[in-house]
C-alpha atoms as a PDB file:
ATOM      1  CA  UNK A   1      -8.861  -5.464   9.807  1.00  0.00           C
ATOM      2  CA  UNK A   2     -12.598  -5.803  10.076  1.00  0.00           C
ATOM      3  CA  UNK A   3     -14.496  -8.723   9.510  1.00  0.00           C
ATOM      4  CA  UNK A   4     -15.439  -7.971   5.512  1.00  0.00           C
ATOM      5  CA  UNK A   5     -11.722  -7.933   5.019  1.00  0.00           C
ATOM      6  CA  UNK A   6     -11.178 -11.503   7.292  1.00  0.00           C
ATOM      7  CA  UNK A   7     -14.082 -13.117   4.801  1.00  0.00           C
ATOM      8  CA  UNK A   8     -12.213 -11.969   1.595  1.00  0.00           C
ATOM      9  CA  UNK A   9      -8.691 -12.681   2.421  1.00  0.00           C
ATOM     10  CA  UNK A  10      -7.209 -15.936   0.477  1.00  0.00           C
ATOM     11  CA  UNK A  11      -3.828 -17.272   1.997  1.00  0.00           C
ATOM     12  CA  UNK A  12      -1.495 -19.589   0.142  1.00  0.00           C
ATOM     13  CA  UNK A  13       1.670 -20.683   0.961  1.00  0.00           C
ATOM     14  CA  UNK A  14       3.885 -22.565  -1.253  1.00  0.00           C
ATOM     15  CA  UNK A  15       6.654 -25.000  -0.182  1.00  0.00           C
ATOM     16  CA  UNK A  16       9.865 -24.688  -2.667  1.00  0.00           C
ATOM     17  CA  UNK A  17      11.562 -27.698  -3.783  1.00  0.00           C
ATOM     18  CA  UNK A  18      12.455 -29.359  -7.243  1.00  0.00           C
ATOM     19  CA  UNK A  19       9.753 -29.247  -9.999  1.00  0.00           C
ATOM     20  CA  UNK A  20      11.326 -31.689 -11.703  1.00  0.00           C
ATOM     21  CA  UNK A  21      11.711 -33.784  -8.629  1.00  0.00           C
ATOM     22  CA  UNK A  22       7.878 -33.441  -7.464  1.00  0.00           C
ATOM     23  CA  UNK A  23       9.073 -31.372  -4.232  1.00  0.00           C
ATOM     24  CA  UNK A  24       6.982 -28.602  -5.246  1.00  0.00           C
ATOM     25  CA  UNK A  25       3.854 -28.359  -2.646  1.00  0.00           C
ATOM     26  CA  UNK A  26       1.390 -25.418  -1.994  1.00  0.00           C
ATOM     27  CA  UNK A  27      -1.720 -25.172   0.541  1.00  0.00           C
ATOM     28  CA  UNK A  28      -4.417 -22.784   0.423  1.00  0.00           C
ATOM     29  CA  UNK A  29      -7.405 -21.648   2.851  1.00  0.00           C
ATOM     30  CA  UNK A  30      -9.750 -18.830   3.623  1.00  0.00           C
ATOM     31  CA  UNK A  31      -8.104 -16.208   6.400  1.00  0.00           C
ATOM     32  CA  UNK A  32     -11.418 -17.370   8.372  1.00  0.00           C
ATOM     33  CA  UNK A  33     -12.042 -20.727   7.782  1.00  0.00           C
ATOM     34  CA  UNK A  34     -10.477 -23.993   9.162  1.00  0.00           C
ATOM     35  CA  UNK A  35     -10.761 -25.818   6.053  1.00  0.00           C
ATOM     36  CA  UNK A  36      -7.795 -25.869   3.841  1.00  0.00           C
ATOM     37  CA  UNK A  37      -6.560 -27.683   0.708  1.00  0.00           C
ATOM     38  CA  UNK A  38      -2.958 -29.143   0.221  1.00  0.00           C
ATOM     39  CA  UNK A  39      -1.860 -29.777  -3.087  1.00  0.00           C
ATOM     40  CA  UNK A  40       1.325 -32.022  -2.984  1.00  0.00           C
ATOM     41  CA  UNK A  41       2.794 -32.962  -5.513  1.00  0.00           C
ATOM     42  CA  UNK A  42       1.457 -30.209  -7.375  1.00  0.00           C
ATOM     43  CA  UNK A  43       2.118 -28.091 -10.774  1.00  0.00           C
ATOM     44  CA  UNK A  44       3.625 -24.707  -9.549  1.00  0.00           C
ATOM     45  CA  UNK A  45       0.912 -23.565 -12.901  1.00  0.00           C
ATOM     46  CA  UNK A  46      -1.623 -24.839 -10.967  1.00  0.00           C
ATOM     47  CA  UNK A  47      -0.686 -22.705  -8.048  1.00  0.00           C
ATOM     48  CA  UNK A  48      -0.490 -19.529 -10.129  1.00  0.00           C
ATOM     49  CA  UNK A  49      -3.937 -20.367 -11.840  1.00  0.00           C
ATOM     50  CA  UNK A  50      -5.601 -20.606  -8.193  1.00  0.00           C
ATOM     51  CA  UNK A  51      -3.864 -17.087  -7.149  1.00  0.00           C
ATOM     52  CA  UNK A  52      -5.082 -15.676 -10.179  1.00  0.00           C
ATOM     53  CA  UNK A  53      -8.553 -17.141  -9.927  1.00  0.00           C
ATOM     54  CA  UNK A  54      -8.752 -15.537  -6.438  1.00  0.00           C
ATOM     55  CA  UNK A  55      -7.359 -11.964  -7.690  1.00  0.00           C
ATOM     56  CA  UNK A  56      -9.954 -11.811 -10.965  1.00  0.00           C
ATOM     57  CA  UNK A  57     -12.441 -12.495  -8.347  1.00  0.00           C
ATOM     58  CA  UNK A  58     -11.244  -9.377  -6.568  1.00  0.00           C
ATOM     59  CA  UNK A  59     -10.127 -11.107  -3.512  1.00  0.00           C
ATOM     60  CA  UNK A  60      -7.331  -9.841  -1.822  1.00  0.00           C
ATOM     61  CA  UNK A  61      -4.588 -12.728  -1.703  1.00  0.00           C
ATOM     62  CA  UNK A  62      -1.691 -13.759   0.482  1.00  0.00           C
ATOM     63  CA  UNK A  63       0.819 -15.889  -1.073  1.00  0.00           C
ATOM     64  CA  UNK A  64       3.760 -17.367   1.197  1.00  0.00           C
ATOM     65  CA  UNK A  65       6.827 -19.019  -0.316  1.00  0.00           C
ATOM     66  CA  UNK A  66       9.361 -20.958   2.042  1.00  0.00           C
ATOM     67  CA  UNK A  67      12.195 -19.272   1.088  1.00  0.00           C
ATOM     68  CA  UNK A  68      14.498 -16.098   2.235  1.00  0.00           C
ATOM     69  CA  UNK A  69      12.940 -13.255   0.234  1.00  0.00           C
ATOM     70  CA  UNK A  70      15.353 -10.712   2.180  1.00  0.00           C
ATOM     71  CA  UNK A  71      18.638 -10.789   3.025  1.00  0.00           C
ATOM     72  CA  UNK A  72      20.939  -8.718   4.957  1.00  0.00           C
ATOM     73  CA  UNK A  73      23.862  -6.379   3.287  1.00  0.00           C
ATOM     74  CA  UNK A  74      25.685  -5.042   6.399  1.00  0.00           C
ATOM     75  CA  UNK A  75      28.459  -2.388   5.764  1.00  0.00           C
ATOM     76  CA  UNK A  76      30.964  -4.300   7.786  1.00  0.00           C
ATOM     77  CA  UNK A  77      32.334  -6.558   5.322  1.00  0.00           C
ATOM     78  CA  UNK A  78      33.085  -9.137   7.653  1.00  0.00           C
ATOM     79  CA  UNK A  79      29.663  -9.364   8.562  1.00  0.00           C
ATOM     80  CA  UNK A  80      28.408 -10.480   5.160  1.00  0.00           C
ATOM     81  CA  UNK A  81      26.929 -13.849   4.984  1.00  0.00           C
ATOM     82  CA  UNK A  82      25.913 -13.950   8.746  1.00  0.00           C
ATOM     83  CA  UNK A  83      22.420 -14.801  10.299  1.00  0.00           C
ATOM     84  CA  UNK A  84      19.627 -12.682  10.401  1.00  0.00           C
ATOM     85  CA  UNK A  85      18.091 -11.873  13.507  1.00  0.00           C
ATOM     86  CA  UNK A  86      14.956 -13.816  12.402  1.00  0.00           C
ATOM     87  CA  UNK A  87      17.190 -16.895  11.750  1.00  0.00           C
ATOM     88  CA  UNK A  88      17.961 -17.394  15.569  1.00  0.00           C
ATOM     89  CA  UNK A  89      21.723 -17.185  15.374  1.00  0.00           C
ATOM     90  CA  UNK A  90      22.209 -19.801  12.424  1.00  0.00           C
ATOM     91  CA  UNK A  91      22.529 -18.320   8.462  1.00  0.00           C
ATOM     92  CA  UNK A  92      19.582 -19.918   7.150  1.00  0.00           C
ATOM     93  CA  UNK A  93      19.608 -18.158   4.141  1.00  0.00           C
ATOM     94  CA  UNK A  94      23.459 -18.422   3.197  1.00  0.00           C
ATOM     95  CA  UNK A  95      24.259 -21.874   4.404  1.00  0.00           C
ATOM     96  CA  UNK A  96      23.958 -24.550   1.765  1.00  0.00           C
ATOM     97  CA  UNK A  97      20.658 -26.033   2.220  1.00  0.00           C
ATOM     98  CA  UNK A  98      19.304 -22.315   2.745  1.00  0.00           C
ATOM     99  CA  UNK A  99      21.219 -20.972  -0.512  1.00  0.00           C
ATOM    100  CA  UNK A 100      19.748 -23.894  -2.645  1.00  0.00           C
ATOM    101  CA  UNK A 101      16.373 -22.784  -1.447  1.00  0.00           C
ATOM    102  CA  UNK A 102      16.813 -19.284  -2.081  1.00  0.00           C
ATOM    103  CA  UNK A 103      18.098 -19.874  -5.690  1.00  0.00           C
ATOM    104  CA  UNK A 104      15.249 -22.399  -6.509  1.00  0.00           C
ATOM    105  CA  UNK A 105      12.520 -20.399  -5.232  1.00  0.00           C
ATOM    106  CA  UNK A 106      13.734 -16.943  -6.533  1.00  0.00           C
ATOM    107  CA  UNK A 107      13.158 -18.214  -9.898  1.00  0.00           C
ATOM    108  CA  UNK A 108       9.723 -19.897  -9.242  1.00  0.00           C
ATOM    109  CA  UNK A 109       8.494 -16.691  -7.388  1.00  0.00           C
ATOM    110  CA  UNK A 110       9.498 -14.445 -10.490  1.00  0.00           C
ATOM    111  CA  UNK A 111       7.823 -17.115 -12.780  1.00  0.00           C
ATOM    112  CA  UNK A 112       4.815 -16.629 -10.572  1.00  0.00           C
ATOM    113  CA  UNK A 113       4.678 -13.147 -10.477  1.00  0.00           C
ATOM    114  CA  UNK A 114       5.409 -13.124 -14.352  1.00  0.00           C
ATOM    115  CA  UNK A 115       2.222 -15.165 -14.773  1.00  0.00           C
ATOM    116  CA  UNK A 116      -0.162 -13.098 -12.401  1.00  0.00           C
ATOM    117  CA  UNK A 117       1.221  -9.923 -14.095  1.00  0.00           C
ATOM    118  CA  UNK A 118       0.113 -11.361 -17.953  1.00  0.00           C
ATOM    119  CA  UNK A 119      -3.279 -12.263 -16.703  1.00  0.00           C
ATOM    120  CA  UNK A 120      -3.635  -9.412 -13.948  1.00  0.00           C
ATOM    121  CA  UNK A 121      -1.950  -6.499 -14.954  1.00  0.00           C
ATOM    122  CA  UNK A 122      -3.533  -3.730 -12.651  1.00  0.00           C
ATOM    123  CA  UNK A 123      -3.046  -6.399  -9.821  1.00  0.00           C
ATOM    124  CA  UNK A 124      -0.659  -4.286  -6.920  1.00  0.00           C
ATOM    125  CA  UNK A 125       1.717  -6.491  -5.144  1.00  0.00           C
ATOM    126  CA  UNK A 126       2.205  -5.832  -1.850  1.00  0.00           C
ATOM    127  CA  UNK A 127       5.422  -6.367   0.231  1.00  0.00           C
ATOM    128  CA  UNK A 128       4.601  -4.891   3.624  1.00  0.00           C
ATOM    129  CA  UNK A 129       1.631  -5.491   5.593  1.00  0.00           C
ATOM    130  CA  UNK A 130       1.072  -2.071   6.326  1.00  0.00           C
ATOM    131  CA  UNK A 131       0.353  -1.606   2.529  1.00  0.00           C
ATOM    132  CA  UNK A 132      -1.598  -4.556   2.010  1.00  0.00           C
ATOM    133  CA  UNK A 133      -4.142  -3.736   4.759  1.00  0.00           C
ATOM    134  CA  UNK A 134      -4.278  -0.121   3.813  1.00  0.00           C
ATOM    135  CA  UNK A 135      -5.058  -1.332   0.106  1.00  0.00           C
ATOM    136  CA  UNK A 136      -7.312  -4.226   1.114  1.00  0.00           C
ATOM    137  CA  UNK A 137      -6.849  -5.481  -2.239  1.00  0.00           C
ATOM    138  CA  UNK A 138      -4.029  -7.049  -4.281  1.00  0.00           C
ATOM    139  CA  UNK A 139      -1.453  -9.641  -3.726  1.00  0.00           C
ATOM    140  CA  UNK A 140       0.843  -9.617  -0.610  1.00  0.00           C
ATOM    141  CA  UNK A 141       3.986 -11.696  -0.793  1.00  0.00           C
ATOM    142  CA  UNK A 142       5.302 -12.969   2.474  1.00  0.00           C
ATOM    143  CA  UNK A 143       8.263 -15.433   3.586  1.00  0.00           C
ATOM    144  CA  UNK A 144       7.279 -18.621   5.407  1.00  0.00           C
ATOM    145  CA  UNK A 145       9.866 -19.724   7.707  1.00  0.00           C
ATOM    146  CA  UNK A 146       9.782 -23.485   8.465  1.00  0.00           C
ATOM    147  CA  UNK A 147      13.134 -24.468   9.457  1.00  0.00           C
ATOM    148  CA  UNK A 148      14.543 -26.629  12.083  1.00  0.00           C
ATOM    149  CA  UNK A 149      12.164 -28.032  14.853  1.00  0.00           C
ATOM    150  CA  UNK A 150       9.237 -26.381  12.991  1.00  0.00           C
ATOM    151  CA  UNK A 151       9.484 -28.528  10.009  1.00  0.00           C
ATOM    152  CA  UNK A 152       7.670 -31.617   9.556  1.00  0.00           C
ATOM    153  CA  UNK A 153       9.550 -34.778  11.256  1.00  0.00           C
ATOM    154  CA  UNK A 154       8.691 -36.710   8.021  1.00  0.00           C
ATOM    155  CA  UNK A 155      10.101 -33.986   6.134  1.00  0.00           C
ATOM    156  CA  UNK A 156       6.834 -33.808   3.789  1.00  0.00           C
ATOM    157  CA  UNK A 157       6.666 -30.810   1.403  1.00  0.00           C
ATOM    158  CA  UNK A 158       2.800 -30.359   1.546  1.00  0.00           C
ATOM    159  CA  UNK A 159       3.158 -30.759   5.619  1.00  0.00           C
ATOM    160  CA  UNK A 160       5.589 -27.831   5.470  1.00  0.00           C
ATOM    161  CA  UNK A 161       3.300 -25.807   3.233  1.00  0.00           C
ATOM    162  CA  UNK A 162       0.556 -26.321   5.909  1.00  0.00           C
ATOM    163  CA  UNK A 163       2.590 -25.243   8.614  1.00  0.00           C
ATOM    164  CA  UNK A 164       3.530 -22.058   7.483  1.00  0.00           C
ATOM    165  CA  UNK A 165       0.064 -21.618   6.035  1.00  0.00           C
ATOM    166  CA  UNK A 166      -1.336 -22.156   9.461  1.00  0.00           C
ATOM    167  CA  UNK A 167       1.199 -19.912  11.196  1.00  0.00           C
ATOM    168  CA  UNK A 168      -0.031 -16.827   8.821  1.00  0.00           C
ATOM    169  CA  UNK A 169      -3.590 -17.536   9.920  1.00  0.00           C
ATOM    170  CA  UNK A 170      -3.258 -17.922  13.387  1.00  0.00           C
ATOM    171  CA  UNK A 171      -1.677 -14.448  13.809  1.00  0.00           C
ATOM    172  CA  UNK A 172      -4.464 -12.443  12.303  1.00  0.00           C
ATOM    173  CA  UNK A 173      -6.189  -9.847  12.208  1.00  0.00           C
ATOM    174  CA  UNK A 174      -2.822  -8.804  14.002  1.00  0.00           C
ATOM    175  CA  UNK A 175       0.325  -8.024  11.684  1.00  0.00           C
ATOM    176  CA  UNK A 176       1.798 -11.596  11.440  1.00  0.00           C
ATOM    177  CA  UNK A 177       5.206 -10.454  10.942  1.00  0.00           C
ATOM    178  CA  UNK A 178       8.367 -11.669  12.931  1.00  0.00           C
ATOM    179  CA  UNK A 179       9.222  -8.510  14.884  1.00  0.00           C
ATOM    180  CA  UNK A 180      13.144  -9.269  14.332  1.00  0.00           C
ATOM    181  CA  UNK A 181      12.345  -8.736  10.804  1.00  0.00           C
ATOM    182  CA  UNK A 182      13.086  -5.116  11.319  1.00  0.00           C
ATOM    183  CA  UNK A 183      16.205  -5.356  12.639  1.00  0.00           C
ATOM    184  CA  UNK A 184      17.634  -6.931   9.775  1.00  0.00           C
ATOM    185  CA  UNK A 185      20.814  -4.629   8.474  1.00  0.00           C
ATOM    186  CA  UNK A 186      20.121  -2.986   5.137  1.00  0.00           C
ATOM    187  CA  UNK A 187      17.932  -5.614   3.803  1.00  0.00           C
ATOM    188  CA  UNK A 188      17.930  -6.890   0.188  1.00  0.00           C
ATOM    189  CA  UNK A 189      14.638  -7.343  -0.947  1.00  0.00           C
ATOM    190  CA  UNK A 190      14.414 -10.719  -3.466  1.00  0.00           C
ATOM    191  CA  UNK A 191      10.849 -10.246  -3.572  1.00  0.00           C
ATOM    192  CA  UNK A 192      10.785  -6.558  -4.690  1.00  0.00           C
ATOM    193  CA  UNK A 193      13.761  -7.702  -7.373  1.00  0.00           C
ATOM    194  CA  UNK A 194      11.303 -10.575  -8.349  1.00  0.00           C
ATOM    195  CA  UNK A 195       8.341  -8.229  -8.692  1.00  0.00           C
ATOM    196  CA  UNK A 196      10.153  -5.383 -10.879  1.00  0.00           C
ATOM    197  CA  UNK A 197      11.418  -8.212 -12.699  1.00  0.00           C
ATOM    198  CA  UNK A 198       7.964  -9.088 -13.749  1.00  0.00           C
ATOM    199  CA  UNK A 199       6.738  -5.860 -14.352  1.00  0.00           C
ATOM    200  CA  UNK A 200       5.061  -4.506 -11.206  1.00  0.00           C
ATOM    201  CA  UNK A 201       5.611  -1.079  -9.949  1.00  0.00           C
ATOM    202  CA  UNK A 202       7.494  -1.297  -6.557  1.00  0.00           C
ATOM    203  CA  UNK A 203       9.050   1.786  -4.686  1.00  0.00           C
ATOM    204  CA  UNK A 204      12.707   1.991  -4.718  1.00  0.00           C
ATOM    205  CA  UNK A 205      12.599   1.769  -0.978  1.00  0.00           C
ATOM    206  CA  UNK A 206      10.822  -1.611  -1.226  1.00  0.00           C
ATOM    207  CA  UNK A 207      14.335  -3.160  -2.550  1.00  0.00           C
ATOM    208  CA  UNK A 208      15.723  -2.045   0.769  1.00  0.00           C
ATOM    209  CA  UNK A 209      13.003  -3.580   3.397  1.00  0.00           C
ATOM    210  CA  UNK A 210      12.447  -6.593   4.704  1.00  0.00           C
ATOM    211  CA  UNK A 211       9.081  -8.489   3.688  1.00  0.00           C
ATOM    212  CA  UNK A 212       6.537 -10.040   6.301  1.00  0.00           C
ATOM    213  CA  UNK A 213       8.263 -12.955   7.787  1.00  0.00           C
ATOM    214  CA  UNK A 214       5.896 -15.621   9.416  1.00  0.00           C
ATOM    215  CA  UNK A 215       7.726 -18.168  11.535  1.00  0.00           C
ATOM    216  CA  UNK A 216       5.427 -20.957  13.245  1.00  0.00           C
END
């Protein structure tokens, strides 16, 4: 990744939460800047507008969401619902809190991608770091895994969005993906499903691949 790429990259991270309850928050920064914008409580429409603005100006954009974006579907039925290797032995995606966040976030991500599709129909959605780097354009969807001791002690939604954002940017220019994501058995990509629903072209293999996952 060269300097020109870094100077153009815009990074967002959304902390998934109840919109009606004012628990949705998001943060944004240039990949090469220390200046951050934090919006909380904030409208999901405002996030969509900010992402669309960057894409309309042909800036590569990375949108992180704090929710499970891929889940394992192991062949052994007795392992269904078990933790992903990235979960540190606790099934963060299938337990009550994780499952609730996943359900809430899935419809929010689908709504965001649908709004992007309506306004920027030619934008490419990327689900892997390699594809995003090769294109150096479009929208990368990534999972922000902010859980347990990594979360803000005051349970601030805006702080969690900032934590995810900073974790992603701190790993650049290298691939920010947690290496354990590749060990998830037979992953089902919720990010790919949401992108397909919104009308974006996603390769069939994208439905069976992990997305970028970043832990602080």
